[in-house]
Amino acid sequence: SGINAEYGCGINAEYGGTLVKNTAEYKKQLLADNRQLKDQVERAKKSLYDAEIMNGRKQVPLPGATVAKPAAATPPVAIKPAVSEPPKMEPKQQPKKQQKKAATPKAVKPAAGGTEALPVDVSRLDMRVALIKTATRHPDADGLYLEEVEVGEEKPRQVISGLVKHIPIEEMQNRPCILLCNLKPAKMRGIMSHAMVMCASTPEKVEILAPPAGSKPGDKVTVEGYPATTMEQLNPKKKVFEGVQPDFLVSPEGHALYKGVPWKVNGEVITAPSMRGCGIK
């Protein structure tokens, strides 16, 4: 108390005016510096705000804060590279003649005689009574006979048969037979064969079918229910005979059959001399 009483009033009296004066100027300087810093901060914030907007980041201002909105930036326009479209190719017009042909295609012509539509059955086979006039051994094949066969035509046919192992050559002379006449001629060991002798057949035995008594060379073989449709030469590629032959059979009575129906000549049945229940080739 004493010190204060002694020195306090004196200090205030001596330095009071200068201290007050310096404090006011210092405060004024501080306020100016603060305003300058505040401006710098605002400019920095604005620059950051603008940068964020340009980078596509949405800005949410704090409550009570006033943020200057930057001028709307013009979004960059993507420039598409110019793509040249390929030239359109006009369909090439056909000449009038070709267009006409395409519009009206020609119908496929059937084979001569219309045989393409015919069924594959015994009616397609030209079988006749024949007579083997002579038979000799094939000069180049031990198992084949070379035969001269009368079939009611102007000249005898040359026929080759593999019957050497089954029928003695003496029994081949002047022997009646049934001849399949519309096979395509085939070369057998260098010699052409123009028909086939029909035989009852097993792997062990073969014998020539016998025409009815009183028949003569050239008489037609018929099968009831299968009237002859054509006598054209058979095309080997069509395999007509191969499709028909499995239905040939010798009955227990010795009759030659097709699907159970007898082969006949002039109403009389064709037979096998001794074989029964076998196929016919």
Protein backbone atom coordinates (compact mmCIF):
# COMPACT_ATOMS: atom_id res chain seq x y z
CA SER A 1 0.00 0.00 0.00
CA GLY A 2 2.70 2.25 0.84
CA ILE A 3 4.62 1.52 -2.33
CA ASN A 4 1.55 2.05 -4.38
CA ALA A 5 0.86 5.20 -2.66
CA GLU A 6 4.35 6.30 -3.12
CA TYR A 7 5.14 5.24 -6.69
CA GLY A 8 1.89 4.28 -8.41
CA CYS A 9 0.52 7.65 -9.09
CA GLY A 10 3.86 8.90 -10.14
CA ILE A 11 4.40 6.21 -12.82
CA ASN A 12 0.98 6.79 -14.25
CA ALA A 13 1.53 10.43 -14.25
CA GLU A 14 4.91 10.10 -15.97
CA TYR A 15 4.31 7.40 -18.64
CA GLY A 16 0.54 7.28 -18.95
CA GLY A 17 0.18 9.52 -21.98
CA THR A 18 2.86 7.80 -24.06
CA LEU A 19 1.54 4.27 -23.32
CA VAL A 20 -1.98 5.17 -24.30
CA LYS A 21 -0.78 6.76 -27.48
CA ASN A 22 1.40 3.76 -28.50
CA THR A 23 -1.38 1.26 -27.72
CA ALA A 24 -3.87 3.03 -30.01
CA GLU A 25 -1.43 3.10 -32.92
CA TYR A 26 -0.50 -0.52 -32.39
CA LYS A 27 -4.16 -1.54 -32.38
CA LYS A 28 -4.74 0.40 -35.56
CA GLN A 29 -1.79 -1.36 -37.18
CA LEU A 30 -3.03 -4.74 -36.04
CA LEU A 31 -6.46 -4.09 -37.54
CA ALA A 32 -4.90 -3.13 -40.86
CA ASP A 33 -2.74 -6.22 -40.83
CA ASN A 34 -5.75 -8.35 -39.98
CA ARG A 35 -7.75 -6.89 -42.85
CA GLN A 36 -4.86 -7.53 -45.22
CA LEU A 37 -4.52 -11.13 -44.00
CA LYS A 38 -8.25 -11.60 -44.22
CA ASP A 39 -8.22 -10.41 -47.81
CA GLN A 40 -5.38 -12.79 -48.63
CA VAL A 41 -7.24 -15.64 -46.97
CA GLU A 42 -10.42 -14.83 -48.90
CA ARG A 43 -8.51 -14.69 -52.17
CA ALA A 44 -6.88 -18.01 -51.40
CA LYS A 45 -10.23 -19.56 -50.47
CA LYS A 46 -11.77 -18.21 -53.67
CA SER A 47 -8.94 -19.65 -55.76
CA LEU A 48 -9.34 -23.01 -54.01
CA TYR A 49 -13.12 -22.86 -54.47
CA ASP A 50 -12.75 -22.15 -58.17
CA ALA A 51 -10.24 -24.94 -58.57
CA GLU A 52 -12.57 -27.41 -56.83
CA ILE A 53 -15.48 -26.37 -59.03
CA MET A 54 -13.38 -26.80 -62.17
CA ASN A 55 -12.44 -30.29 -61.01
CA GLY A 56 -16.09 -31.20 -60.64
CA ARG A 57 -16.27 -31.27 -56.86
CA LYS A 58 -19.48 -29.86 -55.48
CA GLN A 59 -18.95 -27.16 -52.79
CA VAL A 60 -21.26 -26.88 -49.79
CA PRO A 61 -20.85 -23.48 -47.97
CA LEU A 62 -20.87 -23.48 -44.17
CA PRO A 63 -23.86 -21.90 -42.44
CA GLY A 64 -23.53 -18.15 -42.36
CA ALA A 65 -20.56 -18.14 -44.72
CA THR A 66 -20.79 -16.15 -47.88
CA VAL A 67 -18.87 -17.66 -50.72
CA ALA A 68 -18.63 -15.80 -53.93
CA LYS A 69 -19.93 -17.93 -56.74
CA PRO A 70 -17.53 -18.10 -59.63
CA ALA A 71 -18.70 -17.39 -63.07
CA ALA A 72 -20.17 -20.50 -64.68
CA ALA A 73 -17.38 -22.22 -66.49
CA THR A 74 -18.13 -23.30 -69.98
CA PRO A 75 -17.88 -27.08 -70.03
CA PRO A 76 -15.28 -28.37 -72.44
CA VAL A 77 -16.80 -29.54 -75.71
CA ALA A 78 -15.63 -32.92 -76.87
CA ILE A 79 -14.61 -32.66 -80.46
CA LYS A 80 -15.51 -35.84 -82.30
CA PRO A 81 -13.03 -36.86 -84.93
CA ALA A 82 -14.49 -36.67 -88.35
CA VAL A 83 -15.29 -40.19 -89.56
CA SER A 84 -15.79 -40.58 -93.20
CA GLU A 85 -18.64 -42.99 -93.92
CA PRO A 86 -17.80 -45.69 -96.43
CA PRO A 87 -19.45 -45.10 -99.75
CA LYS A 88 -22.67 -47.03 -100.14
CA MET A 89 -22.34 -49.80 -102.68
CA GLU A 90 -25.25 -49.86 -105.00
CA PRO A 91 -26.41 -53.42 -105.74
CA LYS A 92 -25.17 -54.43 -109.10
CA GLN A 93 -28.10 -54.83 -111.38
CA GLN A 94 -28.19 -57.97 -113.38
CA PRO A 95 -28.79 -57.81 -117.07
CA LYS A 96 -32.43 -58.23 -117.93
CA LYS A 97 -31.86 -61.65 -119.42
CA GLN A 98 -30.25 -62.94 -116.21
CA GLN A 99 -33.01 -61.45 -114.07
CA LYS A 100 -35.57 -63.19 -116.17
CA LYS A 101 -33.77 -66.51 -115.79
CA ALA A 102 -33.54 -66.12 -112.02
CA ALA A 103 -37.25 -65.36 -111.80
CA THR A 104 -38.31 -68.37 -113.85
CA PRO A 105 -35.88 -71.26 -113.33
CA LYS A 106 -36.23 -74.12 -115.72
CA ALA A 107 -37.83 -77.27 -114.41
CA VAL A 108 -35.61 -80.31 -114.19
CA LYS A 109 -36.43 -82.65 -117.02
CA PRO A 110 -37.09 -86.25 -115.99
CA ALA A 111 -35.13 -88.99 -117.62
CA ALA A 112 -36.42 -90.40 -120.88
CA GLY A 113 -39.49 -92.52 -120.34
CA GLY A 114 -40.11 -91.06 -116.89
CA THR A 115 -38.25 -93.91 -115.18
CA GLU A 116 -37.19 -91.72 -112.23
CA ALA A 117 -40.72 -91.95 -110.82
CA LEU A 118 -41.00 -95.73 -111.25
CA PRO A 119 -40.98 -98.02 -108.19
CA VAL A 120 -38.05 -100.29 -107.45
CA ASP A 121 -39.66 -103.69 -107.90
CA VAL A 122 -39.68 -106.68 -110.25
CA SER A 123 -41.67 -104.77 -112.88
CA ARG A 124 -38.42 -102.98 -113.79
CA LEU A 125 -36.65 -106.21 -114.77
CA ASP A 126 -36.73 -107.55 -118.34
CA MET A 127 -36.59 -111.31 -117.76
CA ARG A 128 -37.20 -113.71 -120.64
CA VAL A 129 -37.02 -117.36 -121.54
CA ALA A 130 -33.69 -118.11 -123.27
CA LEU A 131 -31.65 -121.02 -124.63
CA ILE A 132 -27.94 -121.48 -123.96
CA LYS A 133 -26.88 -122.80 -127.34
CA THR A 134 -23.20 -123.29 -126.54
CA ALA A 135 -20.92 -122.82 -123.55
CA THR A 136 -17.11 -122.85 -123.48
CA ARG A 137 -14.53 -122.05 -120.83
CA HIS A 138 -13.48 -118.43 -120.56
CA PRO A 139 -9.96 -118.14 -122.00
CA ASP A 140 -8.71 -116.02 -119.08
CA ALA A 141 -10.78 -117.26 -116.11
CA ASP A 142 -11.04 -120.85 -114.91
CA GLY A 143 -14.36 -120.29 -113.06
CA LEU A 144 -16.30 -118.68 -115.94
CA TYR A 145 -18.27 -119.98 -118.91
CA LEU A 146 -18.50 -118.03 -122.14
CA GLU A 147 -21.98 -118.67 -123.53
CA GLU A 148 -23.91 -117.98 -126.72
CA VAL A 149 -27.55 -117.45 -125.70
CA GLU A 150 -30.66 -117.30 -127.89
CA VAL A 151 -33.24 -114.87 -126.41
CA GLY A 152 -35.66 -114.24 -129.29
CA GLU A 153 -33.62 -111.44 -130.83
CA GLU A 154 -32.00 -111.09 -134.23
CA LYS A 155 -28.64 -112.26 -132.91
CA PRO A 156 -27.65 -114.40 -129.91
CA ARG A 157 -26.23 -112.61 -126.88
CA GLN A 158 -22.78 -113.23 -125.47
CA VAL A 159 -23.11 -114.01 -121.73
CA ILE A 160 -20.51 -114.89 -119.12
CA SER A 161 -21.54 -116.94 -116.06
CA GLY A 162 -19.57 -118.14 -113.02
CA LEU A 163 -21.01 -121.66 -113.13
CA VAL A 164 -17.93 -123.79 -113.80
CA LYS A 165 -17.74 -125.08 -110.20
CA HIS A 166 -21.45 -125.93 -110.05
CA ILE A 167 -22.59 -127.23 -113.46
CA PRO A 168 -20.58 -129.51 -115.78
CA ILE A 169 -19.93 -128.05 -119.22
CA GLU A 170 -21.87 -130.83 -120.94
CA GLU A 171 -25.05 -129.82 -119.07
CA MET A 172 -24.63 -126.26 -120.30
CA GLN A 173 -25.21 -127.11 -123.96
CA ASN A 174 -28.68 -126.39 -125.42
CA ARG A 175 -29.99 -125.69 -121.94
CA PRO A 176 -33.18 -123.64 -121.42
CA CYS A 177 -32.87 -120.83 -118.85
CA ILE A 178 -34.29 -117.54 -117.62
CA LEU A 179 -32.21 -114.54 -118.71
CA LEU A 180 -32.17 -111.05 -117.18
CA CYS A 181 -31.75 -108.92 -120.29
CA ASN A 182 -31.68 -105.24 -119.26
CA LEU A 183 -28.56 -105.09 -117.11
CA LYS A 184 -25.85 -102.78 -118.36
CA PRO A 185 -23.25 -104.81 -120.30
CA ALA A 186 -20.14 -105.46 -118.20
CA LYS A 187 -16.63 -106.61 -119.06
CA MET A 188 -15.56 -109.80 -117.27
CA ARG A 189 -11.88 -110.64 -117.62
CA GLY A 190 -11.64 -108.70 -120.85
CA ILE A 191 -14.82 -110.02 -122.51
CA MET A 192 -18.21 -108.24 -122.52
CA SER A 193 -21.25 -109.96 -120.99
CA HIS A 194 -24.69 -108.76 -122.16
CA ALA A 195 -27.09 -110.50 -119.74
CA MET A 196 -27.29 -112.72 -116.64
CA VAL A 197 -28.53 -116.29 -116.24
CA MET A 198 -30.94 -116.52 -113.26
CA CYS A 199 -30.17 -119.34 -110.81
CA ALA A 200 -31.35 -120.79 -107.52
CA SER A 201 -28.42 -120.23 -105.21
CA THR A 202 -26.85 -121.09 -101.85
CA PRO A 203 -23.17 -120.78 -100.88
CA GLU A 204 -22.77 -124.52 -101.51
CA LYS A 205 -24.94 -125.10 -104.57
CA VAL A 206 -26.21 -123.28 -107.69
CA GLU A 207 -28.61 -124.47 -110.38
CA ILE A 208 -30.23 -122.81 -113.40
CA LEU A 209 -33.98 -122.04 -113.14
CA ALA A 210 -36.16 -124.06 -115.55
CA PRO A 211 -38.74 -122.37 -117.81
CA PRO A 212 -42.12 -124.11 -118.15
CA ALA A 213 -42.43 -126.83 -120.79
CA GLY A 214 -43.54 -125.46 -124.15
CA SER A 215 -42.06 -121.96 -123.66
CA LYS A 216 -39.67 -120.60 -126.26
CA PRO A 217 -36.79 -118.07 -126.31
CA GLY A 218 -38.09 -114.50 -126.01
CA ASP A 219 -41.20 -115.30 -123.94
CA LYS A 220 -41.64 -112.76 -121.13
CA VAL A 221 -41.52 -113.57 -117.43
CA THR A 222 -44.45 -112.01 -115.54
CA VAL A 223 -45.31 -111.59 -111.85
CA GLU A 224 -48.98 -110.98 -111.05
CA GLY A 225 -49.57 -107.56 -109.56
CA TYR A 226 -46.35 -106.15 -111.06
CA PRO A 227 -47.04 -105.33 -114.71
CA ALA A 228 -43.97 -104.43 -116.74
CA THR A 229 -43.34 -100.66 -116.64
CA THR A 230 -40.23 -100.32 -118.75
CA MET A 231 -37.62 -102.42 -120.45
CA GLU A 232 -34.90 -99.74 -120.41
CA GLN A 233 -31.33 -100.62 -119.55
CA LEU A 234 -30.88 -100.39 -115.79
CA ASN A 235 -28.55 -97.73 -114.44
CA PRO A 236 -26.01 -99.46 -112.15
CA LYS A 237 -25.86 -96.34 -109.95
CA LYS A 238 -29.57 -96.67 -109.16
CA LYS A 239 -29.04 -100.27 -107.94
CA VAL A 240 -32.49 -101.42 -109.03
CA PHE A 241 -31.59 -105.11 -109.23
CA GLU A 242 -29.85 -104.95 -105.84
CA GLY A 243 -33.07 -103.50 -104.38
CA VAL A 244 -35.27 -106.23 -105.91
CA GLN A 245 -33.13 -109.37 -105.56
CA PRO A 246 -33.50 -109.89 -101.77
CA ASP A 247 -37.24 -110.61 -102.34
CA PHE A 248 -36.50 -113.48 -104.78
CA LEU A 249 -37.06 -116.93 -103.25
CA VAL A 250 -37.55 -120.58 -104.21
CA SER A 251 -40.60 -121.93 -102.35
CA PRO A 252 -40.80 -125.35 -100.66
CA GLU A 253 -42.62 -126.50 -103.81
CA GLY A 254 -39.72 -125.35 -105.96
CA HIS A 255 -41.52 -122.29 -107.44
CA ALA A 256 -39.62 -119.11 -108.21
CA LEU A 257 -41.27 -116.27 -106.21
CA TYR A 258 -41.10 -112.48 -105.81
CA LYS A 259 -42.56 -111.38 -102.46
CA GLY A 260 -44.49 -114.65 -102.37
CA VAL A 261 -45.89 -114.28 -105.93
CA PRO A 262 -44.81 -116.89 -108.54
CA TRP A 263 -42.83 -116.05 -111.66
CA LYS A 264 -44.77 -117.22 -114.68
CA VAL A 265 -44.39 -117.63 -118.42
CA ASN A 266 -47.63 -117.87 -120.38
CA GLY A 267 -49.43 -118.63 -117.12
CA GLU A 268 -47.10 -121.47 -116.10
CA VAL A 269 -44.76 -121.32 -113.09
CA ILE A 270 -40.96 -121.19 -113.36
CA THR A 271 -39.24 -123.73 -111.11
CA ALA A 272 -35.91 -124.81 -109.65
CA PRO A 273 -35.06 -128.43 -110.61
CA SER A 274 -34.09 -129.61 -107.12
CA MET A 275 -33.31 -126.75 -104.74
CA ARG A 276 -35.86 -125.53 -102.18
CA GLY A 277 -36.13 -122.61 -99.73
CA CYS A 278 -33.19 -120.67 -101.15
CA GLY A 279 -32.52 -117.36 -102.85
CA ILE A 280 -32.34 -116.54 -106.53
CA LYS A 281 -29.47 -114.69 -108.18
